[in-house]
Amino acid sequence: MRDESHAYDADTIVVLEGLEAVRKRPGMYIGSVGERGLHHLVLEAAERALNDNLYGIAGRVEITLTADGAVRVADDGTGLPVGHAGHDDGPPLETRLTELRCGTPPDGRRRLYGGWFGLGPAVVNALSSRLTAEVRRDGARWVLEYERGVPTRVPTRTGPADDSGTVIVFRPDPEIFETLEFSFDALAERFREAAFLNRELDITLADDRDPAAPRALRFRFPGGPADHLAEQGAPLHPDVIGFERECSGMAGTVEVALRWCDCHDERIASYANSLPTPGGGTHELGFRDGLAAALTACARERQPAGSSAPEFTPPRWGRA
């Protein structure tokens, strides 16, 4: 006989909205509440600034792990609009910090999804015990403050400003996360990838948590993947082979860089839309087949006349 005490009907459904839903089910928005989710939060916080850097609105982006356990993301752009200041040139910062997926770039622009899901600063605000935003524009400095996604006061003009930009400082909520310890090396690898895949970016990652041994790395690769590859391994040949082509079939661009090094195994890294694809894919298979075909054609062209060298068929990697 059915137990009436466990009946499930419309009255059982609880609808969560806005930032309340993020705090209730953080794993749905950032993947986990462990180290991976903690780093995801940094990428979400930096996403908007990285896109402004990509579009030329900001000249640089600086991410700092501060001594008190917070993360500071700063840019030297025009400064985000503040609704209380009367700015009307885009979604106000108050909205960006409280509504998910706010502030989509204009159509046709390439976009970086730093946190993979493109949720923006609202998810960072929801999962931070405290978040402070500072905007400098039009000669004024504005400050916004939140605790666990809730504003603690109205945006306040705190004085003059002789430059422009936006700074967001957040402290991950210990009630949400299993760890509050960021890995500098893991974040450095992600920002390094973003920089060599998007040559317009200029990113600095600093670690001030140990006053006795602060460190900082700047990621900027004007030559794209070729510049990055030039730093890797001990080369057997000094040149990096690199090229970039528009591909009408996918309405996008394909970029390739390769180099002969002294390692005894193959090392390949592939990406799609600036995100790593460790499982490979057709783009990686196509590269392998194309490389084999090009080397075979070159070898045949240089084969001495009259040589009886056997015909060679390029391998079809990953295929039966």
Protein backbone atom coordinates (compact mmCIF):
# COMPACT_ATOMS: atom_id res chain seq x y z
CA MET A 1 0.00 0.00 0.00
CA ARG A 2 1.33 3.46 -0.92
CA ASP A 3 2.62 5.54 1.98
CA GLU A 4 0.65 8.79 1.84
CA SER A 5 3.33 10.54 3.93
CA HIS A 6 5.72 10.33 0.94
CA ALA A 7 3.31 11.63 -1.66
CA TYR A 8 4.91 13.88 -4.28
CA ASP A 9 2.80 16.65 -5.79
CA ALA A 10 3.05 20.29 -6.85
CA ASP A 11 3.23 21.43 -3.23
CA THR A 12 6.53 19.52 -2.88
CA ILE A 13 8.29 21.55 -5.58
CA VAL A 14 10.49 24.39 -4.34
CA VAL A 15 11.42 27.01 -6.92
CA LEU A 16 14.80 28.65 -6.35
CA GLU A 17 15.51 31.89 -8.18
CA GLY A 18 18.48 34.17 -8.72
CA LEU A 19 21.51 33.92 -6.47
CA GLU A 20 19.63 31.81 -3.93
CA ALA A 21 19.73 28.95 -6.45
CA VAL A 22 23.51 29.35 -6.88
CA ARG A 23 24.16 29.13 -3.14
CA LYS A 24 21.83 26.16 -2.75
CA ARG A 25 23.34 24.14 -5.61
CA PRO A 26 26.83 25.60 -6.30
CA GLY A 27 28.03 22.46 -8.10
CA MET A 28 25.53 23.11 -10.90
CA TYR A 29 27.16 26.47 -11.62
CA ILE A 30 30.89 26.00 -10.99
CA GLY A 31 31.35 22.23 -11.17
CA SER A 32 32.41 21.52 -7.58
CA VAL A 33 33.01 23.08 -4.17
CA GLY A 34 36.60 21.81 -4.08
CA GLU A 35 39.75 23.28 -5.61
CA ARG A 36 38.39 22.97 -9.15
CA GLY A 37 35.33 25.04 -8.28
CA LEU A 38 37.48 27.54 -6.40
CA HIS A 39 39.61 28.14 -9.50
CA HIS A 40 36.49 28.29 -11.64
CA LEU A 41 35.36 31.23 -9.52
CA VAL A 42 38.54 33.14 -10.42
CA LEU A 43 37.97 32.49 -14.12
CA GLU A 44 34.37 33.69 -13.90
CA ALA A 45 35.51 36.84 -12.09
CA ALA A 46 38.13 37.54 -14.77
CA GLU A 47 35.97 36.72 -17.79
CA ARG A 48 34.51 40.19 -18.40
CA ALA A 49 37.89 41.92 -17.96
CA LEU A 50 39.55 39.44 -20.34
CA ASN A 51 36.93 40.13 -22.99
CA ASP A 52 37.40 43.89 -22.60
CA ASN A 53 41.14 43.29 -23.05
CA LEU A 54 40.40 41.17 -26.13
CA TYR A 55 38.24 43.91 -27.67
CA GLY A 56 40.79 46.66 -26.93
CA ILE A 57 38.61 48.34 -24.29
CA ALA A 58 41.22 47.54 -21.62
CA GLY A 59 44.98 47.45 -22.10
CA ARG A 60 45.75 44.88 -19.42
CA VAL A 61 44.22 42.63 -16.78
CA GLU A 62 45.78 41.97 -13.38
CA ILE A 63 44.71 39.08 -11.13
CA THR A 64 46.15 39.02 -7.61
CA LEU A 65 45.92 36.42 -4.84
CA THR A 66 46.03 38.73 -1.83
CA ALA A 67 47.64 38.15 1.56
CA ASP A 68 44.25 38.05 3.33
CA GLY A 69 42.89 35.20 1.15
CA ALA A 70 40.91 37.28 -1.33
CA VAL A 71 41.25 37.57 -5.11
CA ARG A 72 41.57 40.92 -6.85
CA VAL A 73 40.73 41.31 -10.56
CA ALA A 74 41.59 44.73 -12.02
CA ASP A 75 41.58 46.25 -15.49
CA ASP A 76 42.36 49.68 -16.93
CA GLY A 77 39.30 49.90 -19.19
CA THR A 78 36.69 52.62 -19.35
CA GLY A 79 35.00 51.52 -16.13
CA LEU A 80 31.74 49.59 -16.00
CA PRO A 81 28.46 51.54 -15.87
CA VAL A 82 27.06 52.22 -12.40
CA GLY A 83 23.31 52.65 -12.33
CA HIS A 84 23.34 54.92 -9.28
CA ALA A 85 25.78 57.20 -11.11
CA GLY A 86 23.38 57.61 -14.01
CA HIS A 87 25.52 55.69 -16.52
CA ASP A 88 23.40 54.28 -19.34
CA ASP A 89 25.98 52.84 -21.78
CA GLY A 90 25.37 49.20 -20.88
CA PRO A 91 24.07 46.87 -18.17
CA PRO A 92 24.83 48.54 -14.81
CA LEU A 93 27.29 46.84 -12.50
CA GLU A 94 24.53 46.41 -9.91
CA THR A 95 22.71 44.16 -12.39
CA ARG A 96 25.81 42.28 -13.50
CA LEU A 97 26.50 41.34 -9.87
CA THR A 98 23.00 40.08 -9.15
CA GLU A 99 21.72 38.54 -12.41
CA LEU A 100 23.27 35.55 -14.17
CA ARG A 101 24.40 35.81 -17.80
CA CYS A 102 24.17 39.60 -17.92
CA GLY A 103 26.32 41.60 -20.33
CA THR A 104 26.62 39.56 -23.55
CA PRO A 105 29.09 41.14 -26.04
CA PRO A 106 27.89 42.47 -29.41
CA ASP A 107 27.07 39.95 -32.12
CA GLY A 108 29.95 38.81 -34.26
CA ARG A 109 32.63 39.32 -31.62
CA ARG A 110 34.86 36.50 -30.51
CA ARG A 111 34.30 35.83 -26.83
CA LEU A 112 36.30 34.18 -24.09
CA TYR A 113 34.34 32.08 -21.62
CA GLY A 114 36.83 32.22 -18.79
CA GLY A 115 34.71 30.11 -16.47
CA TRP A 116 33.47 27.85 -19.29
CA PHE A 117 29.80 28.53 -18.57
CA GLY A 118 29.73 32.30 -19.16
CA LEU A 119 27.73 33.05 -16.01
CA GLY A 120 29.65 36.20 -15.17
CA PRO A 121 30.31 38.02 -11.88
CA ALA A 122 26.89 37.23 -10.37
CA VAL A 123 27.89 33.65 -9.61
CA VAL A 124 31.09 34.96 -7.98
CA ASN A 125 29.06 37.37 -5.86
CA ALA A 126 26.67 34.61 -4.77
CA LEU A 127 29.48 32.31 -3.61
CA SER A 128 31.61 34.95 -1.86
CA SER A 129 31.35 35.84 1.80
CA ARG A 130 32.23 39.37 0.74
CA LEU A 131 32.65 41.13 -2.59
CA THR A 132 33.69 44.71 -3.24
CA ALA A 133 33.60 46.40 -6.64
CA GLU A 134 35.30 49.69 -7.47
CA VAL A 135 34.64 51.67 -10.64
CA ARG A 136 36.71 54.67 -11.74
CA ARG A 137 35.28 56.71 -14.61
CA ASP A 138 34.27 60.25 -15.49
CA GLY A 139 36.58 61.58 -12.78
CA ALA A 140 34.77 59.78 -9.95
CA ARG A 141 35.31 56.65 -7.87
CA TRP A 142 32.30 54.46 -6.99
CA VAL A 143 32.26 51.53 -4.56
CA LEU A 144 29.73 48.69 -4.30
CA GLU A 145 29.74 46.18 -1.41
CA TYR A 146 28.01 42.80 -1.02
CA GLU A 147 27.89 39.95 1.47
CA ARG A 148 26.86 36.55 0.13
CA GLY A 149 25.28 38.24 -2.86
CA VAL A 150 23.28 40.78 -0.87
CA PRO A 151 24.20 44.50 -1.05
CA THR A 152 25.25 45.95 2.29
CA ARG A 153 24.74 49.54 1.13
CA VAL A 154 23.82 51.50 -1.96
CA PRO A 155 26.64 52.23 -4.43
CA THR A 156 28.58 55.15 -3.03
CA ARG A 157 30.72 57.83 -4.62
CA THR A 158 33.86 57.87 -2.48
CA GLY A 159 35.96 60.54 -4.14
CA PRO A 160 37.70 61.65 -7.32
CA ALA A 161 39.59 59.45 -9.79
CA ASP A 162 42.31 60.50 -12.21
CA ASP A 163 42.16 57.28 -14.26
CA SER A 164 39.59 54.66 -15.29
CA GLY A 165 38.99 50.97 -14.75
CA THR A 166 37.13 48.37 -12.75
CA VAL A 167 38.35 46.35 -9.75
CA ILE A 168 36.52 43.40 -8.20
CA VAL A 169 37.78 41.89 -4.94
CA PHE A 170 36.08 38.76 -3.63
CA ARG A 171 36.59 36.31 -0.79
CA PRO A 172 35.22 32.78 -1.37
CA ASP A 173 32.63 31.75 1.21
CA PRO A 174 33.96 29.17 3.72
CA GLU A 175 30.38 27.99 4.19
CA ILE A 176 30.36 26.86 0.54
CA PHE A 177 33.88 25.69 -0.30
CA GLU A 178 35.77 22.70 1.08
CA THR A 179 39.09 24.51 0.60
CA LEU A 180 40.08 28.16 0.31
CA GLU A 181 43.64 27.48 -0.91
CA PHE A 182 44.25 28.59 -4.49
CA SER A 183 46.91 26.93 -6.65
CA PHE A 184 49.02 29.61 -8.29
CA ASP A 185 50.44 27.08 -10.77
CA ALA A 186 46.99 25.83 -11.88
CA LEU A 187 45.71 29.37 -12.43
CA ALA A 188 48.94 30.34 -14.21
CA GLU A 189 48.53 27.47 -16.66
CA ARG A 190 44.94 28.47 -17.49
CA PHE A 191 45.79 32.14 -18.02
CA ARG A 192 48.88 31.19 -20.04
CA GLU A 193 46.68 29.14 -22.35
CA ALA A 194 44.21 32.00 -22.75
CA ALA A 195 47.04 34.39 -23.61
CA PHE A 196 48.78 32.34 -26.30
CA LEU A 197 45.45 31.38 -27.87
CA ASN A 198 44.40 35.04 -27.99
CA ARG A 199 47.40 37.18 -28.86
CA GLU A 200 45.61 40.44 -27.96
CA LEU A 201 45.57 39.52 -24.25
CA ASP A 202 47.95 40.99 -21.69
CA ILE A 203 47.48 39.23 -18.33
CA THR A 204 49.43 39.46 -15.08
CA LEU A 205 48.93 36.91 -12.30
CA ALA A 206 50.44 37.83 -8.92
CA ASP A 207 50.66 35.96 -5.62
CA ASP A 208 51.03 38.14 -2.51
CA ARG A 209 50.04 35.47 0.04
CA ASP A 210 53.61 35.04 1.28
CA PRO A 211 55.06 38.52 1.97
CA ALA A 212 58.56 37.02 2.08
CA ALA A 213 58.28 35.52 -1.40
CA PRO A 214 55.79 37.37 -3.62
CA ARG A 215 55.73 36.32 -7.25
CA ALA A 216 54.14 37.48 -10.48
CA LEU A 217 53.96 36.24 -14.06
CA ARG A 218 52.97 38.15 -17.15
CA PHE A 219 51.30 36.32 -20.02
CA ARG A 220 51.50 38.00 -23.40
CA PHE A 221 52.14 36.21 -26.68
CA PRO A 222 51.90 38.60 -29.68
CA GLY A 223 52.96 35.75 -31.94
CA GLY A 224 50.23 33.45 -30.65
CA PRO A 225 50.88 29.69 -30.29
CA ALA A 226 54.21 29.99 -32.10
CA ASP A 227 55.54 32.28 -29.35
CA HIS A 228 54.36 29.86 -26.70
CA LEU A 229 55.89 26.87 -28.45
CA ALA A 230 59.24 28.64 -28.71
CA GLU A 231 59.48 28.40 -24.90
CA GLN A 232 58.87 24.65 -24.78
CA GLY A 233 61.50 21.90 -24.70
CA ALA A 234 64.96 21.74 -26.22
CA PRO A 235 64.56 22.15 -29.99
CA LEU A 236 66.36 20.03 -32.56
CA HIS A 237 65.52 22.71 -35.11
CA PRO A 238 65.46 26.44 -34.26
CA ASP A 239 62.35 27.33 -36.25
CA VAL A 240 58.73 27.04 -35.20
CA ILE A 241 56.40 26.13 -38.05
CA GLY A 242 53.18 28.06 -37.67
CA PHE A 243 50.27 29.29 -39.76
CA GLU A 244 46.74 30.60 -39.43
CA ARG A 245 43.88 30.16 -41.90
CA GLU A 246 40.26 31.25 -42.14
CA CYS A 247 37.96 28.26 -42.51
CA SER A 248 34.70 29.12 -44.27
CA GLY A 249 33.26 25.70 -43.52
CA MET A 250 33.08 26.44 -39.81
CA ALA A 251 33.01 30.26 -40.01
CA GLY A 252 36.14 30.46 -37.91
CA THR A 253 39.93 30.36 -37.84
CA VAL A 254 42.34 27.45 -37.57
CA GLU A 255 45.80 28.06 -36.14
CA VAL A 256 48.62 25.52 -35.96
CA ALA A 257 52.17 25.60 -34.55
CA LEU A 258 54.68 22.75 -34.34
CA ARG A 259 58.35 22.22 -33.61
CA TRP A 260 60.86 19.37 -33.64
CA CYS A 261 62.26 18.84 -30.12
CA ASP A 262 64.49 16.32 -28.36
CA CYS A 263 61.69 14.57 -26.47
CA HIS A 264 61.19 10.88 -27.25
CA ASP A 265 57.40 10.98 -27.32
CA GLU A 266 54.76 12.95 -29.16
CA ARG A 267 53.37 15.96 -27.33
CA ILE A 268 50.23 17.56 -28.68
CA ALA A 269 47.78 20.04 -27.16
CA SER A 270 44.56 20.91 -28.94
CA TYR A 271 41.94 23.57 -28.24
CA ALA A 272 38.53 24.67 -29.47
CA ASN A 273 37.13 28.13 -28.72
CA SER A 274 40.10 28.78 -26.41
CA LEU A 275 39.28 25.77 -24.24
CA PRO A 276 41.52 22.67 -24.00
CA THR A 277 40.26 19.46 -25.62
CA PRO A 278 42.29 16.74 -23.83
CA GLY A 279 40.13 14.04 -25.43
CA GLY A 280 41.12 15.14 -28.92
CA GLY A 281 38.53 15.35 -31.67
CA THR A 282 38.21 15.68 -35.43
CA HIS A 283 40.32 18.86 -35.36
CA GLU A 284 43.21 16.87 -33.87
CA LEU A 285 42.76 13.92 -36.22
CA GLY A 286 42.69 16.31 -39.17
CA PHE A 287 45.95 17.88 -38.05
CA ARG A 288 47.67 14.51 -37.74
CA ASP A 289 46.48 13.35 -41.17
CA GLY A 290 47.41 16.65 -42.77
CA LEU A 291 50.89 16.61 -41.26
CA ALA A 292 51.51 13.04 -42.40
CA ALA A 293 50.31 13.87 -45.92
CA ALA A 294 52.53 16.97 -46.12
CA LEU A 295 55.65 15.10 -44.95
CA THR A 296 54.95 12.25 -47.37
CA ALA A 297 54.50 14.65 -50.29
CA CYS A 298 57.76 16.41 -49.39
CA ALA A 299 59.62 13.09 -49.18
CA ARG A 300 58.32 11.96 -52.57
CA GLU A 301 59.26 15.28 -54.15
CA ARG A 302 62.83 14.95 -52.91
CA GLN A 303 63.14 11.29 -53.82
CA PRO A 304 66.04 10.90 -56.31
CA ALA A 305 65.05 10.18 -59.89
CA GLY A 306 65.04 6.47 -60.64
CA SER A 307 64.98 5.51 -57.01
CA SER A 308 63.20 2.27 -56.25
CA ALA A 309 62.09 3.32 -52.78
CA PRO A 310 58.74 1.74 -51.94
CA GLU A 311 55.55 3.76 -51.93
CA PHE A 312 54.52 5.04 -48.51
CA THR A 313 50.91 5.47 -47.38
CA PRO A 314 50.32 8.05 -44.60
CA PRO A 315 48.95 6.54 -41.36
CA ARG A 316 45.34 7.25 -40.40
CA TRP A 317 45.65 7.97 -36.69
CA GLY A 318 42.77 7.02 -34.50
CA ARG A 319 40.90 5.25 -37.29
CA ALA A 320 40.35 1.64 -38.12
